[in-house]
Amino acid sequence: MRLLVMGGTHHVGRAYVETALALGHEVTTLNRGSVAPAPGVESRTADRTDAAALDAALGTDTWDAVFDTWSSEPVVVQQSARLLADRVGHYGYVSSRSVYTWPIAPGADESAPVVEGDPASTAAEDYAAAKRGGELAVLESFTDRSLLARCGLILGPYEIVGRLPWWLGRIARGGRVPAPGPISRGLQYVDARDLAAFMIRAAENGTTGTFDTVSAPGHTTIGELLDACVAVTGSDAELVWLTPEQVEAAGVGGWTELPIWVPPTGELIGLHEGDTAAARAAGLSCRPAADTVADTWAWLQTEGFPSARSGRAGRLGTSPEQEQALLDQV
């Protein structure tokens, strides 16, 4: 197939490009040109927020499928979808389970209620509304020719958000590392490469619809994940396990301050307990957590740790004071 990738140099986009090339597809990327394209890729340069520049860069070419991860102003997706409606057969859009009204209930699936969204909106501050607007923008032009992948936590190499890199970096430094329990707390996520493979197969097979595209609940546990971090880094770190109650007593939260983990009770519980049977039935296959950890560590050793981001994830990880407060609970 001829595939058009909007972006293609970071995180999920980079994983998509590499996976597509490995499967023998022709890949065209469109981005601002700030990062060199991967070998074997036809690169187009434009700021896609500029509709005229986007039109000029794409010319009159056609593609079998387009892949899009845009998470800012929905109108940008709307412009792209309208421009490509008669020139692309399939639109794969990486959305988010954040489009569901909060809090997400344990066991929720694609039928759960969603937030309001406007496909013509120029606002980007509300991530959930922006992603929902992006979905609606795709559906306007590709009603029966699109796949909306509502992802949760995305890990693996190129994860510029930095959740798994934070754990790997902290554990690599060694010493006593506060570890949020219980050890058996199940985790739900998707490796970016598995997400990419799922979406490429969907384009190949003509699979359409909306899918919560993350692993089954309990694909791994926080204990297995952090043990894998210790093993792959060769660290002398001692994981000091705390109960959720001890974490709360220390005034430390899950998801960002203790990345990836959330307590087994409370409003965050649904982040690791969604019903993703539909995606798995449609072909989503998730590799072992140990592989994701090892490959992420190998990437970090080659390219370095991602820079701290000031976006929606906020500051990741615990401060030295928070870490001490956690250890004081033991």
C-alpha atoms as a PDB file:
ATOM      1  CA  MET A   1       0.000   0.000   0.000  1.00  0.00           C
ATOM      2  CA  ARG A   2       0.886   3.673  -0.296  1.00  0.00           C
ATOM      3  CA  LEU A   3       0.598   5.174   3.173  1.00  0.00           C
ATOM      4  CA  LEU A   4       0.550   8.837   4.145  1.00  0.00           C
ATOM      5  CA  VAL A   5       1.686   9.620   7.683  1.00  0.00           C
ATOM      6  CA  MET A   6       0.921  12.988   9.219  1.00  0.00           C
ATOM      7  CA  GLY A   7       4.045  13.481  11.335  1.00  0.00           C
ATOM      8  CA  GLY A   8       6.030  10.286  11.536  1.00  0.00           C
ATOM      9  CA  THR A   9       9.110  11.375  13.477  1.00  0.00           C
ATOM     10  CA  HIS A  10       8.089  11.004  17.132  1.00  0.00           C
ATOM     11  CA  HIS A  11       6.436   8.456  19.420  1.00  0.00           C
ATOM     12  CA  VAL A  12       3.548   6.601  17.748  1.00  0.00           C
ATOM     13  CA  GLY A  13       4.173   8.168  14.345  1.00  0.00           C
ATOM     14  CA  ARG A  14       7.761   6.975  14.291  1.00  0.00           C
ATOM     15  CA  ALA A  15       6.712   3.476  15.336  1.00  0.00           C
ATOM     16  CA  TYR A  16       4.091   3.480  12.579  1.00  0.00           C
ATOM     17  CA  VAL A  17       6.596   4.478   9.905  1.00  0.00           C
ATOM     18  CA  GLU A  18       9.124   1.836  10.929  1.00  0.00           C
ATOM     19  CA  THR A  19       6.454  -0.875  11.140  1.00  0.00           C
ATOM     20  CA  ALA A  20       4.985   0.049   7.762  1.00  0.00           C
ATOM     21  CA  LEU A  21       8.389  -0.007   6.075  1.00  0.00           C
ATOM     22  CA  ALA A  22       9.190  -3.380   7.646  1.00  0.00           C
ATOM     23  CA  LEU A  23       5.952  -4.736   6.181  1.00  0.00           C
ATOM     24  CA  GLY A  24       6.918  -3.560   2.711  1.00  0.00           C
ATOM     25  CA  HIS A  25       4.602  -0.582   2.321  1.00  0.00           C
ATOM     26  CA  GLU A  26       5.491   2.714   0.640  1.00  0.00           C
ATOM     27  CA  VAL A  27       5.468   5.570   3.136  1.00  0.00           C
ATOM     28  CA  THR A  28       5.097   9.303   2.632  1.00  0.00           C
ATOM     29  CA  THR A  29       5.449  11.546   5.660  1.00  0.00           C
ATOM     30  CA  LEU A  30       4.280  15.112   6.029  1.00  0.00           C
ATOM     31  CA  ASN A  31       5.684  17.268   8.818  1.00  0.00           C
ATOM     32  CA  ARG A  32       7.508  20.507   9.508  1.00  0.00           C
ATOM     33  CA  GLY A  33      10.860  18.972   8.592  1.00  0.00           C
ATOM     34  CA  SER A  34      12.539  19.598  11.946  1.00  0.00           C
ATOM     35  CA  VAL A  35      13.634  15.942  12.182  1.00  0.00           C
ATOM     36  CA  ALA A  36      15.329  14.015   9.370  1.00  0.00           C
ATOM     37  CA  PRO A  37      13.034  11.447   7.753  1.00  0.00           C
ATOM     38  CA  ALA A  38      13.645   7.740   8.175  1.00  0.00           C
ATOM     39  CA  PRO A  39      15.562   6.006   5.373  1.00  0.00           C
ATOM     40  CA  GLY A  40      13.215   4.776   2.654  1.00  0.00           C
ATOM     41  CA  VAL A  41      10.552   7.413   3.333  1.00  0.00           C
ATOM     42  CA  GLU A  42       9.311  10.010   0.866  1.00  0.00           C
ATOM     43  CA  SER A  43       9.196  13.210   2.911  1.00  0.00           C
ATOM     44  CA  ARG A  44       6.947  16.215   2.322  1.00  0.00           C
ATOM     45  CA  THR A  45       7.413  19.389   4.334  1.00  0.00           C
ATOM     46  CA  ALA A  46       4.631  21.697   5.490  1.00  0.00           C
ATOM     47  CA  ASP A  47       3.028  23.100   8.605  1.00  0.00           C
ATOM     48  CA  ARG A  48      -0.296  21.292   8.514  1.00  0.00           C
ATOM     49  CA  THR A  49      -1.980  24.088  10.430  1.00  0.00           C
ATOM     50  CA  ASP A  50      -1.537  26.092   7.221  1.00  0.00           C
ATOM     51  CA  ALA A  51      -4.199  24.665   4.899  1.00  0.00           C
ATOM     52  CA  ALA A  52      -2.664  26.203   1.767  1.00  0.00           C
ATOM     53  CA  ALA A  53       0.803  24.853   2.591  1.00  0.00           C
ATOM     54  CA  LEU A  54      -0.655  21.409   3.273  1.00  0.00           C
ATOM     55  CA  ASP A  55      -2.486  21.426  -0.058  1.00  0.00           C
ATOM     56  CA  ALA A  56       0.635  22.470  -1.924  1.00  0.00           C
ATOM     57  CA  ALA A  57       2.831  19.844  -0.241  1.00  0.00           C
ATOM     58  CA  LEU A  58       0.442  16.979  -1.018  1.00  0.00           C
ATOM     59  CA  GLY A  59      -0.212  18.088  -4.588  1.00  0.00           C
ATOM     60  CA  THR A  60      -2.620  15.810  -6.468  1.00  0.00           C
ATOM     61  CA  ASP A  61      -1.230  12.490  -5.181  1.00  0.00           C
ATOM     62  CA  THR A  62      -3.365   9.675  -3.854  1.00  0.00           C
ATOM     63  CA  TRP A  63      -2.766   7.148  -1.086  1.00  0.00           C
ATOM     64  CA  ASP A  64      -4.406   3.964   0.130  1.00  0.00           C
ATOM     65  CA  ALA A  65      -4.505   5.119   3.748  1.00  0.00           C
ATOM     66  CA  VAL A  66      -3.568   8.035   5.972  1.00  0.00           C
ATOM     67  CA  PHE A  67      -2.429   7.869   9.595  1.00  0.00           C
ATOM     68  CA  ASP A  68      -2.973  10.802  11.955  1.00  0.00           C
ATOM     69  CA  THR A  69      -2.174  11.375  15.645  1.00  0.00           C
ATOM     70  CA  TRP A  70      -3.121  15.076  15.918  1.00  0.00           C
ATOM     71  CA  SER A  71      -4.242  16.021  19.436  1.00  0.00           C
ATOM     72  CA  SER A  72      -4.565  19.768  19.284  1.00  0.00           C
ATOM     73  CA  GLU A  73      -7.081  21.984  17.416  1.00  0.00           C
ATOM     74  CA  PRO A  74      -9.734  19.744  15.786  1.00  0.00           C
ATOM     75  CA  VAL A  75     -10.032  22.067  12.798  1.00  0.00           C
ATOM     76  CA  VAL A  76      -6.590  20.895  11.656  1.00  0.00           C
ATOM     77  CA  VAL A  77      -7.890  17.330  11.366  1.00  0.00           C
ATOM     78  CA  GLN A  78     -11.004  18.629   9.628  1.00  0.00           C
ATOM     79  CA  GLN A  79      -8.908  20.437   7.009  1.00  0.00           C
ATOM     80  CA  SER A  80      -6.761  17.356   6.386  1.00  0.00           C
ATOM     81  CA  ALA A  81      -9.721  14.991   6.145  1.00  0.00           C
ATOM     82  CA  ARG A  82     -11.596  17.232   3.719  1.00  0.00           C
ATOM     83  CA  LEU A  83      -8.527  17.664   1.538  1.00  0.00           C
ATOM     84  CA  LEU A  84      -7.914  13.906   1.392  1.00  0.00           C
ATOM     85  CA  ALA A  85     -11.513  12.669   1.205  1.00  0.00           C
ATOM     86  CA  ASP A  86     -11.384  11.877  -2.522  1.00  0.00           C
ATOM     87  CA  ARG A  87      -7.727  10.873  -2.594  1.00  0.00           C
ATOM     88  CA  VAL A  88      -7.337   8.404   0.283  1.00  0.00           C
ATOM     89  CA  GLY A  89      -9.240   5.200   0.893  1.00  0.00           C
ATOM     90  CA  HIS A  90      -8.878   4.804   4.663  1.00  0.00           C
ATOM     91  CA  TYR A  91      -8.271   7.219   7.571  1.00  0.00           C
ATOM     92  CA  GLY A  92      -6.631   5.886  10.730  1.00  0.00           C
ATOM     93  CA  TYR A  93      -6.881   8.343  13.610  1.00  0.00           C
ATOM     94  CA  VAL A  94      -5.198   7.851  16.981  1.00  0.00           C
ATOM     95  CA  SER A  95      -7.691   9.134  19.513  1.00  0.00           C
ATOM     96  CA  SER A  96      -7.853   8.557  23.257  1.00  0.00           C
ATOM     97  CA  ARG A  97      -9.996   6.965  25.921  1.00  0.00           C
ATOM     98  CA  SER A  98      -9.949  10.468  27.397  1.00  0.00           C
ATOM     99  CA  VAL A  99     -12.956  11.206  25.163  1.00  0.00           C
ATOM    100  CA  TYR A 100     -15.154   9.301  27.619  1.00  0.00           C
ATOM    101  CA  THR A 101     -16.885  11.326  30.291  1.00  0.00           C
ATOM    102  CA  TRP A 102     -14.941  11.324  33.568  1.00  0.00           C
ATOM    103  CA  PRO A 103     -14.518   9.223  35.574  1.00  0.00           C
ATOM    104  CA  ILE A 104     -14.190   6.238  33.270  1.00  0.00           C
ATOM    105  CA  ALA A 105     -15.983   3.314  34.891  1.00  0.00           C
ATOM    106  CA  PRO A 106     -14.215  -0.029  35.304  1.00  0.00           C
ATOM    107  CA  GLY A 107     -15.278  -2.333  32.493  1.00  0.00           C
ATOM    108  CA  ALA A 108     -16.260   0.528  30.179  1.00  0.00           C
ATOM    109  CA  ASP A 109     -16.070  -0.132  26.442  1.00  0.00           C
ATOM    110  CA  GLU A 110     -16.686   1.802  23.241  1.00  0.00           C
ATOM    111  CA  SER A 111     -20.347   2.324  24.138  1.00  0.00           C
ATOM    112  CA  ALA A 112     -19.527   4.543  27.151  1.00  0.00           C
ATOM    113  CA  PRO A 113     -20.707   8.173  26.977  1.00  0.00           C
ATOM    114  CA  VAL A 114     -18.292  10.677  25.448  1.00  0.00           C
ATOM    115  CA  VAL A 115     -17.616  14.384  25.909  1.00  0.00           C
ATOM    116  CA  GLU A 116     -18.842  17.028  23.501  1.00  0.00           C
ATOM    117  CA  GLY A 117     -16.572  17.875  20.598  1.00  0.00           C
ATOM    118  CA  ASP A 118     -16.571  20.324  17.696  1.00  0.00           C
ATOM    119  CA  PRO A 119     -14.724  19.317  14.502  1.00  0.00           C
ATOM    120  CA  ALA A 120     -14.315  22.966  13.510  1.00  0.00           C
ATOM    121  CA  SER A 121     -12.937  24.084  16.875  1.00  0.00           C
ATOM    122  CA  THR A 122      -9.716  26.083  17.026  1.00  0.00           C
ATOM    123  CA  ALA A 123      -9.325  25.400  20.756  1.00  0.00           C
ATOM    124  CA  ALA A 124      -6.733  22.969  22.069  1.00  0.00           C
ATOM    125  CA  GLU A 125      -6.721  23.465  25.834  1.00  0.00           C
ATOM    126  CA  ASP A 126      -9.224  20.697  26.613  1.00  0.00           C
ATOM    127  CA  TYR A 127      -7.509  17.484  25.502  1.00  0.00           C
ATOM    128  CA  ALA A 128     -10.640  15.336  25.720  1.00  0.00           C
ATOM    129  CA  ALA A 129     -12.730  17.781  23.694  1.00  0.00           C
ATOM    130  CA  ALA A 130      -9.919  18.206  21.162  1.00  0.00           C
ATOM    131  CA  LYS A 131      -9.624  14.462  20.584  1.00  0.00           C
ATOM    132  CA  ARG A 132     -13.395  14.082  20.320  1.00  0.00           C
ATOM    133  CA  GLY A 133     -13.469  16.953  17.849  1.00  0.00           C
ATOM    134  CA  GLY A 134     -10.755  15.221  15.855  1.00  0.00           C
ATOM    135  CA  GLU A 135     -12.833  12.042  15.768  1.00  0.00           C
ATOM    136  CA  LEU A 136     -15.853  13.940  14.465  1.00  0.00           C
ATOM    137  CA  ALA A 137     -13.708  15.673  11.860  1.00  0.00           C
ATOM    138  CA  VAL A 138     -12.571  12.302  10.511  1.00  0.00           C
ATOM    139  CA  LEU A 139     -16.106  10.913  10.501  1.00  0.00           C
ATOM    140  CA  GLU A 140     -17.386  13.911   8.520  1.00  0.00           C
ATOM    141  CA  SER A 141     -15.268  12.996   5.499  1.00  0.00           C
ATOM    142  CA  PHE A 142     -14.555   9.289   6.048  1.00  0.00           C
ATOM    143  CA  THR A 143     -17.834   8.080   7.554  1.00  0.00           C
ATOM    144  CA  ASP A 144     -17.456   4.411   6.605  1.00  0.00           C
ATOM    145  CA  ARG A 145     -13.744   4.450   5.755  1.00  0.00           C
ATOM    146  CA  SER A 146     -12.063   5.224   9.054  1.00  0.00           C
ATOM    147  CA  LEU A 147     -10.705   3.601  12.179  1.00  0.00           C
ATOM    148  CA  LEU A 148     -10.693   5.540  15.428  1.00  0.00           C
ATOM    149  CA  ALA A 149      -8.177   4.021  17.845  1.00  0.00           C
ATOM    150  CA  ARG A 150      -9.057   5.215  21.337  1.00  0.00           C
ATOM    151  CA  CYS A 151      -5.814   4.499  23.129  1.00  0.00           C
ATOM    152  CA  GLY A 152      -5.000   4.584  26.789  1.00  0.00           C
ATOM    153  CA  LEU A 153      -1.439   4.466  28.027  1.00  0.00           C
ATOM    154  CA  ILE A 154       1.065   4.153  25.148  1.00  0.00           C
ATOM    155  CA  LEU A 155       4.515   2.820  26.051  1.00  0.00           C
ATOM    156  CA  GLY A 156       7.536   1.484  24.204  1.00  0.00           C
ATOM    157  CA  PRO A 157      10.491   2.982  22.355  1.00  0.00           C
ATOM    158  CA  TYR A 158      10.118   6.652  21.338  1.00  0.00           C
ATOM    159  CA  GLU A 159       7.757   7.370  24.260  1.00  0.00           C
ATOM    160  CA  ILE A 160       8.455  11.085  24.540  1.00  0.00           C
ATOM    161  CA  VAL A 161       5.866  11.537  27.295  1.00  0.00           C
ATOM    162  CA  GLY A 162       8.421   9.811  29.494  1.00  0.00           C
ATOM    163  CA  ARG A 163       6.468   7.555  31.851  1.00  0.00           C
ATOM    164  CA  LEU A 164       8.385   4.309  31.367  1.00  0.00           C
ATOM    165  CA  PRO A 165      11.644   6.228  30.771  1.00  0.00           C
ATOM    166  CA  TRP A 166      11.184   7.869  34.166  1.00  0.00           C
ATOM    167  CA  TRP A 167      10.930   4.510  35.920  1.00  0.00           C
ATOM    168  CA  LEU A 168      13.921   3.137  34.004  1.00  0.00           C
ATOM    169  CA  GLY A 169      15.996   6.197  34.840  1.00  0.00           C
ATOM    170  CA  ARG A 170      15.090   6.166  38.516  1.00  0.00           C
ATOM    171  CA  ILE A 171      15.713   2.457  38.920  1.00  0.00           C
ATOM    172  CA  ALA A 172      18.996   2.680  37.015  1.00  0.00           C
ATOM    173  CA  ARG A 173      20.262   5.133  39.652  1.00  0.00           C
ATOM    174  CA  GLY A 174      19.831   2.406  42.255  1.00  0.00           C
ATOM    175  CA  GLY A 175      19.176   2.637  45.975  1.00  0.00           C
ATOM    176  CA  ARG A 176      15.831   2.282  47.708  1.00  0.00           C
ATOM    177  CA  VAL A 177      13.051   3.012  45.229  1.00  0.00           C
ATOM    178  CA  PRO A 178       9.480   3.489  46.482  1.00  0.00           C
ATOM    179  CA  ALA A 179       7.243   1.132  44.519  1.00  0.00           C
ATOM    180  CA  PRO A 180       3.453   1.552  44.611  1.00  0.00           C
ATOM    181  CA  GLY A 181       1.536  -1.629  45.313  1.00  0.00           C
ATOM    182  CA  PRO A 182      -0.037  -3.982  45.523  1.00  0.00           C
ATOM    183  CA  ILE A 183       2.555  -5.887  43.514  1.00  0.00           C
ATOM    184  CA  SER A 184      -0.268  -7.663  41.708  1.00  0.00           C
ATOM    185  CA  ARG A 185      -1.916  -4.409  40.559  1.00  0.00           C
ATOM    186  CA  GLY A 186      -2.839  -5.052  36.932  1.00  0.00           C
ATOM    187  CA  LEU A 187      -1.799  -2.641  34.185  1.00  0.00           C
ATOM    188  CA  GLN A 188      -3.367  -1.899  30.816  1.00  0.00           C
ATOM    189  CA  TYR A 189      -1.424  -0.198  28.034  1.00  0.00           C
ATOM    190  CA  VAL A 190      -0.310  -0.646  24.433  1.00  0.00           C
ATOM    191  CA  ASP A 191       3.179  -0.707  22.982  1.00  0.00           C
ATOM    192  CA  ALA A 192       3.312   1.924  20.218  1.00  0.00           C
ATOM    193  CA  ARG A 193       4.593  -0.696  17.782  1.00  0.00           C
ATOM    194  CA  ASP A 194       1.644  -2.986  18.489  1.00  0.00           C
ATOM    195  CA  LEU A 195      -0.724  -0.056  18.019  1.00  0.00           C
ATOM    196  CA  ALA A 196       0.949   0.710  14.692  1.00  0.00           C
ATOM    197  CA  ALA A 197       0.726  -2.885  13.523  1.00  0.00           C
ATOM    198  CA  PHE A 198      -2.965  -3.025  14.450  1.00  0.00           C
ATOM    199  CA  MET A 199      -3.752   0.132  12.504  1.00  0.00           C
ATOM    200  CA  ILE A 200      -1.739  -0.946   9.461  1.00  0.00           C
ATOM    201  CA  ARG A 201      -3.516  -4.305   9.369  1.00  0.00           C
ATOM    202  CA  ALA A 202      -6.824  -2.461   9.652  1.00  0.00           C
ATOM    203  CA  ALA A 203      -5.924  -0.429   6.566  1.00  0.00           C
ATOM    204  CA  GLU A 204      -4.864  -3.588   4.731  1.00  0.00           C
ATOM    205  CA  ASN A 205      -8.071  -5.431   5.616  1.00  0.00           C
ATOM    206  CA  GLY A 206     -10.514  -2.538   5.408  1.00  0.00           C
ATOM    207  CA  THR A 207     -11.329  -2.773   9.118  1.00  0.00           C
ATOM    208  CA  THR A 208     -13.282   0.268  10.240  1.00  0.00           C
ATOM    209  CA  GLY A 209     -15.000   1.489  13.389  1.00  0.00           C
ATOM    210  CA  THR A 210     -14.077   2.669  16.860  1.00  0.00           C
ATOM    211  CA  PHE A 211     -11.858   0.576  19.117  1.00  0.00           C
ATOM    212  CA  ASP A 212     -10.437   1.026  22.613  1.00  0.00           C
ATOM    213  CA  THR A 213      -6.933   0.117  21.531  1.00  0.00           C
ATOM    214  CA  VAL A 214      -5.063  -1.050  24.590  1.00  0.00           C
ATOM    215  CA  SER A 215      -4.206  -4.444  26.022  1.00  0.00           C
ATOM    216  CA  ALA A 216      -6.502  -6.572  28.101  1.00  0.00           C
ATOM    217  CA  PRO A 217      -6.627  -5.528  31.772  1.00  0.00           C
ATOM    218  CA  GLY A 218      -3.823  -7.201  33.663  1.00  0.00           C
ATOM    219  CA  HIS A 219      -1.621  -7.654  30.579  1.00  0.00           C
ATOM    220  CA  THR A 220       1.134  -7.209  33.139  1.00  0.00           C
ATOM    221  CA  THR A 221       1.359  -6.026  36.738  1.00  0.00           C
ATOM    222  CA  ILE A 222       3.221  -3.166  38.360  1.00  0.00           C
ATOM    223  CA  GLY A 223       5.402  -5.779  40.042  1.00  0.00           C
ATOM    224  CA  GLU A 224       6.328  -7.457  36.762  1.00  0.00           C
ATOM    225  CA  LEU A 225       6.969  -4.124  35.069  1.00  0.00           C
ATOM    226  CA  LEU A 226       9.279  -2.748  37.748  1.00  0.00           C
ATOM    227  CA  ASP A 227      11.083  -6.074  38.153  1.00  0.00           C
ATOM    228  CA  ALA A 228      11.749  -5.960  34.406  1.00  0.00           C
ATOM    229  CA  CYS A 229      13.167  -2.446  34.828  1.00  0.00           C
ATOM    230  CA  VAL A 230      15.569  -3.694  37.504  1.00  0.00           C
ATOM    231  CA  ALA A 231      16.632  -6.637  35.363  1.00  0.00           C
ATOM    232  CA  VAL A 232      17.218  -4.737  32.135  1.00  0.00           C
ATOM    233  CA  THR A 233      19.158  -1.892  33.744  1.00  0.00           C
ATOM    234  CA  GLY A 234      21.336  -4.224  35.795  1.00  0.00           C
ATOM    235  CA  SER A 235      20.657  -1.955  38.748  1.00  0.00           C
ATOM    236  CA  ASP A 236      21.190  -2.676  42.430  1.00  0.00           C
ATOM    237  CA  ALA A 237      17.914  -0.876  43.153  1.00  0.00           C
ATOM    238  CA  GLU A 238      15.799  -2.182  46.010  1.00  0.00           C
ATOM    239  CA  LEU A 239      12.074  -1.878  45.289  1.00  0.00           C
ATOM    240  CA  VAL A 240      10.393  -0.822  48.525  1.00  0.00           C
ATOM    241  CA  TRP A 241       6.759  -1.788  48.163  1.00  0.00           C
ATOM    242  CA  LEU A 242       4.051   0.419  49.660  1.00  0.00           C
ATOM    243  CA  THR A 243       0.348  -0.110  49.998  1.00  0.00           C
ATOM    244  CA  PRO A 244      -2.022   2.309  48.267  1.00  0.00           C
ATOM    245  CA  GLU A 245      -2.883   3.631  51.705  1.00  0.00           C
ATOM    246  CA  GLN A 246       0.767   4.423  52.432  1.00  0.00           C
ATOM    247  CA  VAL A 247       1.100   6.199  49.087  1.00  0.00           C
ATOM    248  CA  GLU A 248      -1.946   8.305  49.879  1.00  0.00           C
ATOM    249  CA  ALA A 249      -0.670   9.090  53.383  1.00  0.00           C
ATOM    250  CA  ALA A 250       2.542  10.423  51.839  1.00  0.00           C
ATOM    251  CA  GLY A 251       0.509  12.830  49.731  1.00  0.00           C
ATOM    252  CA  VAL A 252       1.692  11.342  46.444  1.00  0.00           C
ATOM    253  CA  GLY A 253      -0.586  10.596  43.495  1.00  0.00           C
ATOM    254  CA  GLY A 254      -0.649   8.008  40.760  1.00  0.00           C
ATOM    255  CA  TRP A 255      -0.386   8.280  36.962  1.00  0.00           C
ATOM    256  CA  THR A 256       2.037  11.236  36.862  1.00  0.00           C
ATOM    257  CA  GLU A 257       3.860  11.472  40.207  1.00  0.00           C
ATOM    258  CA  LEU A 258       4.106   7.681  40.222  1.00  0.00           C
ATOM    259  CA  PRO A 259       3.912   7.197  36.445  1.00  0.00           C
ATOM    260  CA  ILE A 260       1.817   4.395  34.922  1.00  0.00           C
ATOM    261  CA  TRP A 261       0.452   3.165  38.277  1.00  0.00           C
ATOM    262  CA  VAL A 262      -2.943   4.094  39.658  1.00  0.00           C
ATOM    263  CA  PRO A 263      -4.469   2.862  42.928  1.00  0.00           C
ATOM    264  CA  PRO A 264      -6.950  -0.041  42.788  1.00  0.00           C
ATOM    265  CA  THR A 265      -9.718   2.196  44.159  1.00  0.00           C
ATOM    266  CA  GLY A 266     -10.866   5.735  43.447  1.00  0.00           C
ATOM    267  CA  GLU A 267     -11.657   7.693  40.308  1.00  0.00           C
ATOM    268  CA  LEU A 268      -8.517   6.631  38.414  1.00  0.00           C
ATOM    269  CA  ILE A 269      -9.330   2.925  38.595  1.00  0.00           C
ATOM    270  CA  GLY A 270     -10.882   2.759  35.129  1.00  0.00           C
ATOM    271  CA  LEU A 271      -7.604   3.775  33.451  1.00  0.00           C
ATOM    272  CA  HIS A 272      -6.364   0.190  33.776  1.00  0.00           C
ATOM    273  CA  GLU A 273      -9.663  -1.690  33.700  1.00  0.00           C
ATOM    274  CA  GLY A 274     -11.308  -1.003  30.350  1.00  0.00           C
ATOM    275  CA  ASP A 275     -13.047  -3.654  28.264  1.00  0.00           C
ATOM    276  CA  THR A 276     -10.916  -3.906  25.126  1.00  0.00           C
ATOM    277  CA  ALA A 277     -12.291  -7.151  23.746  1.00  0.00           C
ATOM    278  CA  ALA A 278     -13.364  -5.501  20.480  1.00  0.00           C
ATOM    279  CA  ALA A 279      -9.828  -4.414  19.558  1.00  0.00           C
ATOM    280  CA  ARG A 280      -8.406  -7.822  20.358  1.00  0.00           C
ATOM    281  CA  ALA A 281     -11.106  -9.501  18.276  1.00  0.00           C
ATOM    282  CA  ALA A 282     -10.182  -7.151  15.424  1.00  0.00           C
ATOM    283  CA  GLY A 283      -6.531  -8.200  15.587  1.00  0.00           C
ATOM    284  CA  LEU A 284      -4.751  -6.220  18.304  1.00  0.00           C
ATOM    285  CA  SER A 285      -1.871  -8.310  19.642  1.00  0.00           C
ATOM    286  CA  CYS A 286       0.290  -7.086  22.524  1.00  0.00           C
ATOM    287  CA  ARG A 287       3.874  -8.210  23.094  1.00  0.00           C
ATOM    288  CA  PRO A 288       5.175  -9.189  26.553  1.00  0.00           C
ATOM    289  CA  ALA A 289       5.926  -6.341  28.952  1.00  0.00           C
ATOM    290  CA  ALA A 290       9.538  -7.512  29.313  1.00  0.00           C
ATOM    291  CA  ASP A 291      10.080  -6.866  25.594  1.00  0.00           C
ATOM    292  CA  THR A 292       8.616  -3.361  25.830  1.00  0.00           C
ATOM    293  CA  VAL A 293      10.846  -2.557  28.819  1.00  0.00           C
ATOM    294  CA  ALA A 294      14.010  -3.986  27.232  1.00  0.00           C
ATOM    295  CA  ASP A 295      13.466  -2.217  23.909  1.00  0.00           C
ATOM    296  CA  THR A 296      12.687   1.079  25.619  1.00  0.00           C
ATOM    297  CA  TRP A 297      15.899   0.834  27.632  1.00  0.00           C
ATOM    298  CA  ALA A 298      17.884   0.041  24.472  1.00  0.00           C
ATOM    299  CA  TRP A 299      16.406   3.113  22.755  1.00  0.00           C
ATOM    300  CA  LEU A 300      17.263   5.325  25.728  1.00  0.00           C
ATOM    301  CA  GLN A 301      20.860   4.098  25.694  1.00  0.00           C
ATOM    302  CA  THR A 302      21.140   4.963  22.015  1.00  0.00           C
ATOM    303  CA  GLU A 303      19.291   8.278  21.829  1.00  0.00           C
ATOM    304  CA  GLY A 304      19.158   9.528  25.407  1.00  0.00           C
ATOM    305  CA  PHE A 305      16.248  10.340  27.668  1.00  0.00           C
ATOM    306  CA  PRO A 306      13.407  12.513  26.336  1.00  0.00           C
ATOM    307  CA  SER A 307      13.390  16.118  27.456  1.00  0.00           C
ATOM    308  CA  ALA A 308      10.992  17.097  30.216  1.00  0.00           C
ATOM    309  CA  ARG A 309       7.670  18.145  28.715  1.00  0.00           C
ATOM    310  CA  SER A 310       5.313  20.837  29.925  1.00  0.00           C
ATOM    311  CA  GLY A 311       2.259  19.474  28.120  1.00  0.00           C
ATOM    312  CA  ARG A 312      -0.818  17.744  29.396  1.00  0.00           C
ATOM    313  CA  ALA A 313       1.087  15.083  31.370  1.00  0.00           C
ATOM    314  CA  GLY A 314       2.593  17.779  33.575  1.00  0.00           C
ATOM    315  CA  ARG A 315       5.674  17.015  35.644  1.00  0.00           C
ATOM    316  CA  LEU A 316       6.396  13.306  35.768  1.00  0.00           C
ATOM    317  CA  GLY A 317       7.828  11.451  38.713  1.00  0.00           C
ATOM    318  CA  THR A 318       8.411  12.145  42.354  1.00  0.00           C
ATOM    319  CA  SER A 319      10.603  14.865  43.768  1.00  0.00           C
ATOM    320  CA  PRO A 320      13.311  13.898  46.291  1.00  0.00           C
ATOM    321  CA  GLU A 321      11.014  15.196  49.045  1.00  0.00           C
ATOM    322  CA  GLN A 322       8.109  13.070  47.840  1.00  0.00           C
ATOM    323  CA  GLU A 323      10.322  10.024  47.566  1.00  0.00           C
ATOM    324  CA  GLN A 324      11.476  10.483  51.140  1.00  0.00           C
ATOM    325  CA  ALA A 325       7.895  10.940  52.293  1.00  0.00           C
ATOM    326  CA  LEU A 326       7.041   7.628  50.688  1.00  0.00           C
ATOM    327  CA  LEU A 327       9.994   5.833  52.260  1.00  0.00           C
ATOM    328  CA  ASP A 328       9.072   7.284  55.641  1.00  0.00           C
ATOM    329  CA  GLN A 329       5.798   5.308  55.424  1.00  0.00           C
ATOM    330  CA  VAL A 330       7.611   1.971  55.495  1.00  0.00           C
END
